[in-house]
C-alpha atoms as a PDB file:
ATOM      1  CA  MET A   1     -34.641 -49.718 -36.321  1.00  0.00           C
ATOM      2  CA  LEU A   2     -31.116 -50.383 -37.430  1.00  0.00           C
ATOM      3  CA  ILE A   3     -30.751 -46.880 -38.777  1.00  0.00           C
ATOM      4  CA  ASN A   4     -31.563 -45.243 -35.318  1.00  0.00           C
ATOM      5  CA  ASN A   5     -28.899 -47.250 -33.547  1.00  0.00           C
ATOM      6  CA  LEU A   6     -26.213 -46.068 -36.068  1.00  0.00           C
ATOM      7  CA  ALA A   7     -27.113 -42.450 -35.753  1.00  0.00           C
ATOM      8  CA  ARG A   8     -26.745 -42.159 -31.978  1.00  0.00           C
ATOM      9  CA  PRO A   9     -23.074 -42.964 -31.660  1.00  0.00           C
ATOM     10  CA  MET A  10     -22.207 -40.440 -34.390  1.00  0.00           C
ATOM     11  CA  ARG A  11     -23.919 -37.685 -32.500  1.00  0.00           C
ATOM     12  CA  LYS A  12     -22.012 -38.540 -29.268  1.00  0.00           C
ATOM     13  CA  ALA A  13     -18.754 -38.407 -31.166  1.00  0.00           C
ATOM     14  CA  GLN A  14     -19.544 -35.057 -32.661  1.00  0.00           C
ATOM     15  CA  SER A  15     -20.546 -33.637 -29.286  1.00  0.00           C
ATOM     16  CA  TRP A  16     -17.349 -34.970 -27.654  1.00  0.00           C
ATOM     17  CA  THR A  17     -15.179 -33.358 -30.451  1.00  0.00           C
ATOM     18  CA  MET A  18     -16.976 -29.965 -29.978  1.00  0.00           C
ATOM     19  CA  ASP A  19     -16.585 -30.146 -26.205  1.00  0.00           C
ATOM     20  CA  PHE A  20     -12.862 -30.971 -26.551  1.00  0.00           C
ATOM     21  CA  LEU A  21     -12.326 -28.044 -28.931  1.00  0.00           C
ATOM     22  CA  ILE A  22     -14.027 -25.597 -26.564  1.00  0.00           C
ATOM     23  CA  ALA A  23     -11.970 -26.880 -23.662  1.00  0.00           C
ATOM     24  CA  VAL A  24      -8.711 -26.507 -25.598  1.00  0.00           C
ATOM     25  CA  ILE A  25      -9.607 -22.989 -26.682  1.00  0.00           C
ATOM     26  CA  THR A  26     -10.720 -21.985 -23.125  1.00  0.00           C
ATOM     27  CA  PHE A  27      -7.480 -23.436 -21.725  1.00  0.00           C
ATOM     28  CA  SER A  28      -5.324 -21.628 -24.372  1.00  0.00           C
ATOM     29  CA  ILE A  29      -6.980 -18.298 -23.522  1.00  0.00           C
ATOM     30  CA  PHE A  30      -6.377 -18.895 -19.767  1.00  0.00           C
ATOM     31  CA  LEU A  31      -2.643 -19.645 -20.436  1.00  0.00           C
ATOM     32  CA  LEU A  32      -2.262 -16.479 -22.529  1.00  0.00           C
ATOM     33  CA  VAL A  33      -3.866 -14.301 -19.833  1.00  0.00           C
ATOM     34  CA  PHE A  34      -1.783 -15.998 -17.087  1.00  0.00           C
ATOM     35  CA  ARG A  35       1.463 -15.464 -19.064  1.00  0.00           C
ATOM     36  CA  ALA A  36       0.645 -11.781 -19.723  1.00  0.00           C
ATOM     37  CA  VAL A  37      -0.138 -11.079 -15.984  1.00  0.00           C
ATOM     38  CA  SER A  38       3.064 -13.017 -14.884  1.00  0.00           C
ATOM     39  CA  ALA A  39       5.225 -11.068 -17.211  1.00  0.00           C
ATOM     40  CA  ALA A  40       3.812  -7.737 -15.977  1.00  0.00           C
ATOM     41  CA  SER A  41       4.517  -8.809 -12.371  1.00  0.00           C
ATOM     42  CA  ILE A  42       8.018  -9.888 -13.105  1.00  0.00           C
ATOM     43  CA  GLU A  43       8.741  -6.582 -14.848  1.00  0.00           C
ATOM     44  CA  THR A  44       7.415  -4.600 -11.896  1.00  0.00           C
ATOM     45  CA  VAL A  45       9.510  -6.512  -9.385  1.00  0.00           C
ATOM     46  CA  TYR A  46      12.602  -6.109 -11.649  1.00  0.00           C
ATOM     47  CA  LYS A  47      12.014  -2.314 -11.858  1.00  0.00           C
ATOM     48  CA  GLU A  48      11.718  -2.141  -8.084  1.00  0.00           C
ATOM     49  CA  LYS A  49      14.952  -4.129  -7.580  1.00  0.00           C
ATOM     50  CA  VAL A  50      16.844  -1.837  -9.945  1.00  0.00           C
ATOM     51  CA  ILE A  51      15.533   1.274  -8.044  1.00  0.00           C
ATOM     52  CA  GLU A  52      16.507  -0.356  -4.745  1.00  0.00           C
ATOM     53  CA  ALA A  53      19.974  -1.225  -5.991  1.00  0.00           C
ATOM     54  CA  GLY A  54      20.450   2.462  -7.006  1.00  0.00           C
ATOM     55  CA  ALA A  55      19.564   3.676  -3.494  1.00  0.00           C
ATOM     56  CA  ILE A  56      21.961   1.223  -1.964  1.00  0.00           C
ATOM     57  CA  ARG A  57      24.687   2.146  -4.359  1.00  0.00           C
ATOM     58  CA  ILE A  58      24.272   5.867  -3.599  1.00  0.00           C
ATOM     59  CA  SER A  59      24.377   5.231   0.199  1.00  0.00           C
ATOM     60  CA  ASP A  60      27.429   3.007  -0.138  1.00  0.00           C
ATOM     61  CA  THR A  61      29.195   5.649  -2.274  1.00  0.00           C
ATOM     62  CA  LEU A  62      28.402   8.505   0.131  1.00  0.00           C
ATOM     63  CA  LEU A  63      29.609   6.543   3.104  1.00  0.00           C
ATOM     64  CA  THR A  64      33.228   6.628   1.908  1.00  0.00           C
ATOM     65  CA  GLN A  65      35.861   9.252   2.107  1.00  0.00           C
ATOM     66  CA  GLY A  66      35.689   9.792  -1.669  1.00  0.00           C
ATOM     67  CA  VAL A  67      38.570  10.138  -4.105  1.00  0.00           C
ATOM     68  CA  PRO A  68      40.728  12.080  -3.444  1.00  0.00           C
ATOM     69  CA  ALA A  69      40.179  12.019   0.263  1.00  0.00           C
ATOM     70  CA  ASN A  70      40.246  15.831   0.394  1.00  0.00           C
ATOM     71  CA  TRP A  71      38.052  16.338  -2.699  1.00  0.00           C
ATOM     72  CA  THR A  72      36.290  19.632  -3.426  1.00  0.00           C
ATOM     73  CA  LYS A  73      33.245  20.580  -5.536  1.00  0.00           C
ATOM     74  CA  ASP A  74      35.652  21.529  -8.381  1.00  0.00           C
ATOM     75  CA  SER A  75      37.948  18.524  -8.192  1.00  0.00           C
ATOM     76  CA  TYR A  76      36.697  15.034  -7.402  1.00  0.00           C
ATOM     77  CA  ASP A  77      36.834  11.613  -8.837  1.00  0.00           C
ATOM     78  CA  ARG A  78      34.282  10.132  -6.470  1.00  0.00           C
ATOM     79  CA  ILE A  79      32.146  11.842  -3.876  1.00  0.00           C
ATOM     80  CA  GLY A  80      32.212  10.542  -0.295  1.00  0.00           C
ATOM     81  CA  LEU A  81      30.976  12.244   2.840  1.00  0.00           C
ATOM     82  CA  LEU A  82      33.174  10.541   5.575  1.00  0.00           C
ATOM     83  CA  GLY A  83      36.140  12.131   7.189  1.00  0.00           C
ATOM     84  CA  ASP A  84      39.253  10.413   8.583  1.00  0.00           C
ATOM     85  CA  ASP A  85      37.352   9.610  11.813  1.00  0.00           C
ATOM     86  CA  GLY A  86      34.574   7.696  10.056  1.00  0.00           C
ATOM     87  CA  GLN A  87      31.958  10.359  10.698  1.00  0.00           C
ATOM     88  CA  LEU A  88      30.285  12.757   8.287  1.00  0.00           C
ATOM     89  CA  ASP A  89      32.655  15.557   7.375  1.00  0.00           C
ATOM     90  CA  GLU A  90      31.063  18.976   7.544  1.00  0.00           C
ATOM     91  CA  ARG A  91      33.376  20.370   4.796  1.00  0.00           C
ATOM     92  CA  LYS A  92      32.418  17.538   2.427  1.00  0.00           C
ATOM     93  CA  LEU A  93      28.716  18.059   3.140  1.00  0.00           C
ATOM     94  CA  ASN A  94      29.115  21.718   2.417  1.00  0.00           C
ATOM     95  CA  GLN A  95      30.935  20.949  -0.890  1.00  0.00           C
ATOM     96  CA  THR A  96      28.321  18.541  -1.927  1.00  0.00           C
ATOM     97  CA  LEU A  97      25.589  21.123  -1.652  1.00  0.00           C
ATOM     98  CA  TYR A  98      27.248  23.090  -4.489  1.00  0.00           C
ATOM     99  CA  ILE A  99      27.432  20.210  -6.928  1.00  0.00           C
ATOM    100  CA  PRO A 100      24.538  20.512  -9.458  1.00  0.00           C
ATOM    101  CA  PRO A 101      22.024  17.660  -9.264  1.00  0.00           C
ATOM    102  CA  VAL A 102      22.646  16.755 -12.875  1.00  0.00           C
ATOM    103  CA  ASP A 103      26.328  16.150 -12.122  1.00  0.00           C
ATOM    104  CA  LEU A 104      25.378  14.177  -8.970  1.00  0.00           C
ATOM    105  CA  ARG A 105      23.088  11.989 -11.022  1.00  0.00           C
ATOM    106  CA  LYS A 106      25.972  11.253 -13.402  1.00  0.00           C
ATOM    107  CA  GLU A 107      28.344  10.658 -10.387  1.00  0.00           C
ATOM    108  CA  PHE A 108      25.914   8.052  -8.936  1.00  0.00           C
ATOM    109  CA  SER A 109      25.129   6.479 -12.318  1.00  0.00           C
ATOM    110  CA  GLN A 110      21.501   6.837 -11.371  1.00  0.00           C
ATOM    111  CA  PRO A 111      18.903   6.203 -14.040  1.00  0.00           C
ATOM    112  CA  SER A 112      15.949   7.112 -11.782  1.00  0.00           C
ATOM    113  CA  TYR A 113      15.362  10.138  -9.572  1.00  0.00           C
ATOM    114  CA  PHE A 114      17.102  10.510  -6.206  1.00  0.00           C
ATOM    115  CA  TYR A 115      16.914  12.584  -3.104  1.00  0.00           C
ATOM    116  CA  VAL A 116      19.454  12.554  -0.244  1.00  0.00           C
ATOM    117  CA  TYR A 117      19.322  14.227   3.150  1.00  0.00           C
ATOM    118  CA  VAL A 118      20.755  13.815   6.676  1.00  0.00           C
ATOM    119  CA  GLU A 119      18.564  14.072   9.679  1.00  0.00           C
ATOM    120  CA  ASP A 120      19.094  13.781  13.420  1.00  0.00           C
ATOM    121  CA  MET A 121      17.444  10.980  15.412  1.00  0.00           C
ATOM    122  CA  ASN A 122      14.389  13.267  15.982  1.00  0.00           C
ATOM    123  CA  GLY A 123      13.832  13.648  12.202  1.00  0.00           C
ATOM    124  CA  VAL A 124      15.143  17.194  11.902  1.00  0.00           C
ATOM    125  CA  VAL A 125      17.285  17.775   8.766  1.00  0.00           C
ATOM    126  CA  ILE A 126      20.815  18.845   9.843  1.00  0.00           C
ATOM    127  CA  LYS A 127      22.124  22.241   8.668  1.00  0.00           C
ATOM    128  CA  VAL A 128      25.528  22.810   7.225  1.00  0.00           C
ATOM    129  CA  ASP A 129      26.600  26.465   7.401  1.00  0.00           C
ATOM    130  CA  GLY A 130      22.905  27.429   7.894  1.00  0.00           C
ATOM    131  CA  THR A 131      21.606  25.365   4.941  1.00  0.00           C
ATOM    132  CA  GLU A 132      19.704  22.110   5.327  1.00  0.00           C
ATOM    133  CA  PHE A 133      21.617  19.219   3.842  1.00  0.00           C
ATOM    134  CA  LYS A 134      19.374  18.082   0.915  1.00  0.00           C
ATOM    135  CA  ILE A 135      20.568  17.059  -2.450  1.00  0.00           C
ATOM    136  CA  GLY A 136      18.566  15.925  -5.472  1.00  0.00           C
ATOM    137  CA  ASN A 137      14.900  16.521  -5.992  1.00  0.00           C
ATOM    138  CA  GLU A 138      12.351  15.802  -3.262  1.00  0.00           C
ATOM    139  CA  PRO A 139       9.921  13.170  -4.310  1.00  0.00           C
ATOM    140  CA  THR A 140       6.481  14.495  -5.120  1.00  0.00           C
ATOM    141  CA  ASP A 141       5.010  12.324  -8.006  1.00  0.00           C
ATOM    142  CA  TYR A 142       6.309   8.759  -8.087  1.00  0.00           C
ATOM    143  CA  LYS A 143       5.288   5.175  -8.653  1.00  0.00           C
ATOM    144  CA  ASN A 144       7.855   3.180  -6.719  1.00  0.00           C
ATOM    145  CA  LEU A 145       9.744   4.924  -3.892  1.00  0.00           C
ATOM    146  CA  ILE A 146      12.628   3.118  -2.223  1.00  0.00           C
ATOM    147  CA  SER A 147      14.153   4.659   0.939  1.00  0.00           C
ATOM    148  CA  VAL A 148      17.463   3.456   2.374  1.00  0.00           C
ATOM    149  CA  GLN A 149      18.516   4.763   5.838  1.00  0.00           C
ATOM    150  CA  ARG A 150      22.019   4.479   7.217  1.00  0.00           C
ATOM    151  CA  ILE A 151      23.072   5.453  10.769  1.00  0.00           C
ATOM    152  CA  VAL A 152      26.339   7.382  10.928  1.00  0.00           C
ATOM    153  CA  GLY A 153      28.093   9.766  13.217  1.00  0.00           C
ATOM    154  CA  TYR A 154      28.091  13.562  12.830  1.00  0.00           C
ATOM    155  CA  LYS A 155      29.876  15.705  15.371  1.00  0.00           C
ATOM    156  CA  GLY A 156      29.834  12.889  17.840  1.00  0.00           C
ATOM    157  CA  ASP A 157      26.042  12.241  17.532  1.00  0.00           C
ATOM    158  CA  PRO A 158      24.230   9.591  15.521  1.00  0.00           C
ATOM    159  CA  VAL A 159      22.308  10.802  12.418  1.00  0.00           C
ATOM    160  CA  ARG A 160      20.466   9.150   9.606  1.00  0.00           C
ATOM    161  CA  LEU A 161      21.646   9.358   6.005  1.00  0.00           C
ATOM    162  CA  VAL A 162      18.552   8.903   3.953  1.00  0.00           C
ATOM    163  CA  VAL A 163      18.635   8.079   0.270  1.00  0.00           C
ATOM    164  CA  GLN A 164      15.440   7.876  -1.682  1.00  0.00           C
ATOM    165  CA  THR A 165      15.079   6.775  -5.296  1.00  0.00           C
ATOM    166  CA  TRP A 166      11.958   6.379  -7.390  1.00  0.00           C
ATOM    167  CA  SER A 167      10.584   6.016 -10.935  1.00  0.00           C
END
């Protein structure tokens, strides 16, 4: 009878040790999975913020007079679309149409793709000397598209400068 009483406590201790080990392993796996999912989410949010910052930077750059203020497609330090009156300047819009997209991408320090156009308040893209004002590549296949719209004057009417960036 004495032998039976000694055997029982040992079995409980062995069972408790095994349960504890399984719990620690399960918890460790849960932590690893949680950390991997969190890291992926943080990376996605970071990429979106970088793309958004690019769109804002492009729109901020375009809504200046540029350097020099009377720049042309052949001589500019920084592109800006505003004239002396604070409205979009038709000559500068026209000059921008002739700058190659590769050069514009360098000008904007843009690592992702971009597309810029100006539309009236009805959504119709404005024309400059008979050509729609669109620069960059129109988005077709993208993961994260950010669109920034700014209201500005053009020939006395409000229009939207739309900057889209994506990855």
